[in-house]
Protein backbone atom coordinates (compact mmCIF):
# COMPACT_ATOMS: atom_id res chain seq x y z
CA UNK A 1 53.24 -72.96 29.86
CA UNK A 2 54.31 -69.30 29.86
CA UNK A 3 56.48 -67.79 27.30
CA UNK A 4 59.91 -66.31 28.42
CA UNK A 5 58.25 -62.96 27.96
CA UNK A 6 54.80 -63.15 29.28
CA UNK A 7 56.58 -65.14 32.50
CA UNK A 8 58.55 -61.48 32.62
CA UNK A 9 55.61 -59.49 32.06
CA UNK A 10 53.85 -61.11 35.31
CA UNK A 11 56.76 -60.77 37.42
CA UNK A 12 57.41 -57.32 36.47
CA UNK A 13 53.09 -56.52 37.49
CA UNK A 14 53.74 -58.23 40.68
CA UNK A 15 56.77 -56.46 41.58
CA UNK A 16 54.80 -53.08 40.60
CA UNK A 17 51.71 -54.04 42.32
CA UNK A 18 53.68 -55.02 45.61
CA UNK A 19 56.09 -51.97 45.30
CA UNK A 20 53.00 -49.66 44.66
CA UNK A 21 50.74 -51.36 47.78
CA UNK A 22 53.60 -52.29 50.72
CA UNK A 23 52.18 -53.96 52.90
CA UNK A 24 48.88 -54.78 51.09
CA UNK A 25 46.58 -57.47 52.82
CA UNK A 26 49.13 -57.70 55.82
CA UNK A 27 47.83 -56.94 59.15
CA UNK A 28 49.35 -53.21 60.41
CA UNK A 29 50.45 -53.24 64.30
CA UNK A 30 48.27 -50.53 65.92
CA UNK A 31 49.23 -47.76 68.14
CA UNK A 32 46.86 -47.76 71.13
CA UNK A 33 45.38 -44.03 71.37
CA UNK A 34 46.29 -41.40 73.82
CA UNK A 35 42.94 -42.15 75.84
CA UNK A 36 43.92 -46.04 76.23
CA UNK A 37 47.71 -45.40 77.37
CA UNK A 38 46.05 -43.49 79.80
CA UNK A 39 43.77 -45.99 80.73
CA UNK A 40 46.69 -48.32 81.01
CA UNK A 41 48.55 -45.73 83.00
CA UNK A 42 45.33 -45.10 85.35
CA UNK A 43 44.90 -48.67 86.06
CA UNK A 44 48.69 -48.99 87.30
CA UNK A 45 49.14 -46.10 88.89
CA UNK A 46 45.95 -44.29 89.83
CA UNK A 47 43.30 -46.34 90.20
CA UNK A 48 44.38 -47.36 93.84
CA UNK A 49 43.71 -44.39 95.02
CA UNK A 50 40.78 -43.17 92.72
CA UNK A 51 39.18 -46.13 91.85
CA UNK A 52 39.29 -48.26 89.06
CA UNK A 53 36.70 -46.09 87.53
CA UNK A 54 37.43 -42.66 89.02
CA UNK A 55 34.86 -42.79 91.57
CA UNK A 56 37.08 -41.64 94.18
CA UNK A 57 38.77 -43.65 97.58
CA UNK A 58 35.25 -44.49 98.23
CA UNK A 59 35.46 -47.15 95.26
CA UNK A 60 39.24 -47.26 95.69
CA UNK A 61 38.59 -48.84 99.40
CA UNK A 62 36.06 -51.55 97.29
CA UNK A 63 39.47 -53.39 96.05
CA UNK A 64 40.97 -54.20 98.74
CA UNK A 65 39.85 -56.49 101.65
CA UNK A 66 37.47 -55.44 104.30
CA UNK A 67 39.72 -55.49 107.28
CA UNK A 68 42.22 -53.14 104.92
CA UNK A 69 39.80 -50.62 103.57
CA UNK A 70 40.86 -47.94 106.54
CA UNK A 71 43.50 -45.90 104.39
CA UNK A 72 43.86 -43.34 107.63
CA UNK A 73 44.92 -46.43 109.68
CA UNK A 74 48.42 -46.66 107.64
CA UNK A 75 48.15 -43.26 105.79
CA UNK A 76 47.41 -40.34 108.09
CA UNK A 77 48.68 -36.97 108.30
CA UNK A 78 51.51 -36.87 110.64
CA UNK A 79 53.31 -39.83 109.69
CA UNK A 80 56.56 -40.26 108.69
CA UNK A 81 57.20 -39.94 104.79
CA UNK A 82 58.78 -43.28 103.98
CA UNK A 83 59.79 -41.85 100.49
CA UNK A 84 63.17 -41.43 101.34
CA UNK A 85 63.60 -44.40 102.89
CA UNK A 86 62.79 -46.57 100.37
CA UNK A 87 64.85 -46.08 97.36
CA UNK A 88 63.98 -47.96 94.35
CA UNK A 89 61.77 -50.39 96.66
CA UNK A 90 58.08 -50.33 96.11
CA UNK A 91 55.51 -49.84 99.15
CA UNK A 92 54.68 -53.53 98.67
CA UNK A 93 58.27 -54.57 99.25
CA UNK A 94 58.80 -52.60 102.41
CA UNK A 95 55.44 -52.71 103.55
CA UNK A 96 56.32 -56.06 105.41
CA UNK A 97 59.36 -54.05 107.21
CA UNK A 98 57.16 -51.13 108.85
CA UNK A 99 54.79 -50.89 111.34
CA UNK A 100 51.08 -50.39 110.17
CA UNK A 101 50.63 -46.10 110.70
CA UNK A 102 54.29 -45.17 109.11
CA UNK A 103 53.28 -44.37 105.76
CA UNK A 104 52.85 -41.55 103.91
CA UNK A 105 49.91 -39.27 104.59
CA UNK A 106 47.45 -40.00 101.41
CA UNK A 107 44.91 -37.52 101.96
CA UNK A 108 41.45 -37.95 100.51
CA UNK A 109 41.65 -38.74 97.00
CA UNK A 110 38.74 -37.34 94.80
CA UNK A 111 36.60 -38.60 92.71
CA UNK A 112 37.85 -37.78 88.99
CA UNK A 113 34.35 -38.12 87.09
CA UNK A 114 31.10 -36.45 87.75
CA UNK A 115 29.72 -32.69 87.48
CA UNK A 116 32.40 -31.64 90.28
CA UNK A 117 35.26 -33.66 89.17
CA UNK A 118 37.40 -31.01 87.54
CA UNK A 119 36.00 -27.32 88.92
CA UNK A 120 39.53 -26.84 90.15
CA UNK A 121 41.07 -26.09 86.69
CA UNK A 122 40.12 -23.46 84.48
CA UNK A 123 41.65 -25.94 81.51
CA UNK A 124 43.39 -29.37 80.32
CA UNK A 125 46.61 -27.60 80.47
CA UNK A 126 46.05 -26.81 84.75
CA UNK A 127 44.68 -30.45 84.81
CA UNK A 128 47.97 -32.06 83.20
CA UNK A 129 50.25 -29.72 84.68
CA UNK A 130 48.56 -30.55 88.41
CA UNK A 131 49.02 -34.03 87.30
CA UNK A 132 52.71 -34.22 86.40
CA UNK A 133 53.89 -32.04 89.43
CA UNK A 134 51.59 -33.87 92.26
CA UNK A 135 50.76 -37.31 91.02
CA UNK A 136 50.90 -39.74 92.06
CA UNK A 137 50.68 -39.32 95.52
CA UNK A 138 53.70 -41.43 97.03
CA UNK A 139 55.74 -40.34 93.80
CA UNK A 140 55.24 -36.46 92.90
CA UNK A 141 56.66 -35.52 89.53
CA UNK A 142 57.46 -39.30 88.52
CA UNK A 143 55.13 -38.94 85.32
CA UNK A 144 56.53 -38.20 82.05
CA UNK A 145 55.07 -35.76 79.60
CA UNK A 146 53.53 -37.70 77.76
CA UNK A 147 52.02 -40.07 80.44
CA UNK A 148 50.48 -36.97 82.09
CA UNK A 149 49.10 -36.02 78.80
CA UNK A 150 47.76 -39.15 78.42
CA UNK A 151 46.27 -39.56 81.81
CA UNK A 152 44.89 -36.32 80.89
CA UNK A 153 43.03 -37.18 77.84
CA UNK A 154 41.19 -40.23 79.98
CA UNK A 155 40.33 -38.45 82.74
CA UNK A 156 38.82 -35.86 80.17
CA UNK A 157 37.04 -38.78 78.57
CA UNK A 158 35.96 -39.87 81.84
CA UNK A 159 33.93 -36.60 81.75
CA UNK A 160 33.00 -36.26 78.76
CA UNK A 161 35.01 -33.18 78.08
CA UNK A 162 37.49 -34.57 75.25
CA UNK A 163 36.65 -33.61 72.04
CA UNK A 164 36.63 -36.20 69.28
CA UNK A 165 39.45 -37.02 67.70
CA UNK A 166 41.77 -34.35 70.00
CA UNK A 167 44.93 -35.23 70.94
CA UNK A 168 46.16 -33.38 74.11
CA UNK A 169 49.51 -31.64 74.02
CA UNK A 170 50.37 -28.43 75.03
CA UNK A 171 48.95 -26.79 72.77
CA UNK A 172 45.30 -28.38 72.80
CA UNK A 173 45.11 -28.58 76.60
CA UNK A 174 44.87 -24.73 77.01
CA UNK A 175 42.13 -24.65 74.46
CA UNK A 176 40.04 -27.14 76.31
CA UNK A 177 37.79 -25.31 79.07
CA UNK A 178 36.76 -27.30 82.09
CA UNK A 179 33.72 -26.64 83.75
């Protein structure tokens, strides 16, 4: 049995070690990387038009049943824009109440990966500004700055254009030149 002095000494040592290394041995919660956040946002907001891997509309169509792969039948130029009628409803909610041919025009969603995918943008800052202002097509301007930077990081990663360890923000985006 420990003497009172020995017990207090051991207790003091334990308190010191715990205080000196808080959380040691505990699982620390991890923050998803910017690219991983971008990947999640892409899956929820972008893949429906650009495809699961960024291959563009041709890839995106493959995710739909065969009888729904002609996007132009519902999404063609000259169709009325339903966004004003929708309010807070989603397209899934509204779709059952509207006739085919009454959805907004989506154009042709380009591939977001490949040798020519980013040639319209001088740098990652221009890409981020476009994403923030114009995407998603059915709700332009609805992405936060953080979401648009995360998407930019993800698209850069798809194209092997994201320098290692770089977090894309206003300052770094202007420095990342695109082909």
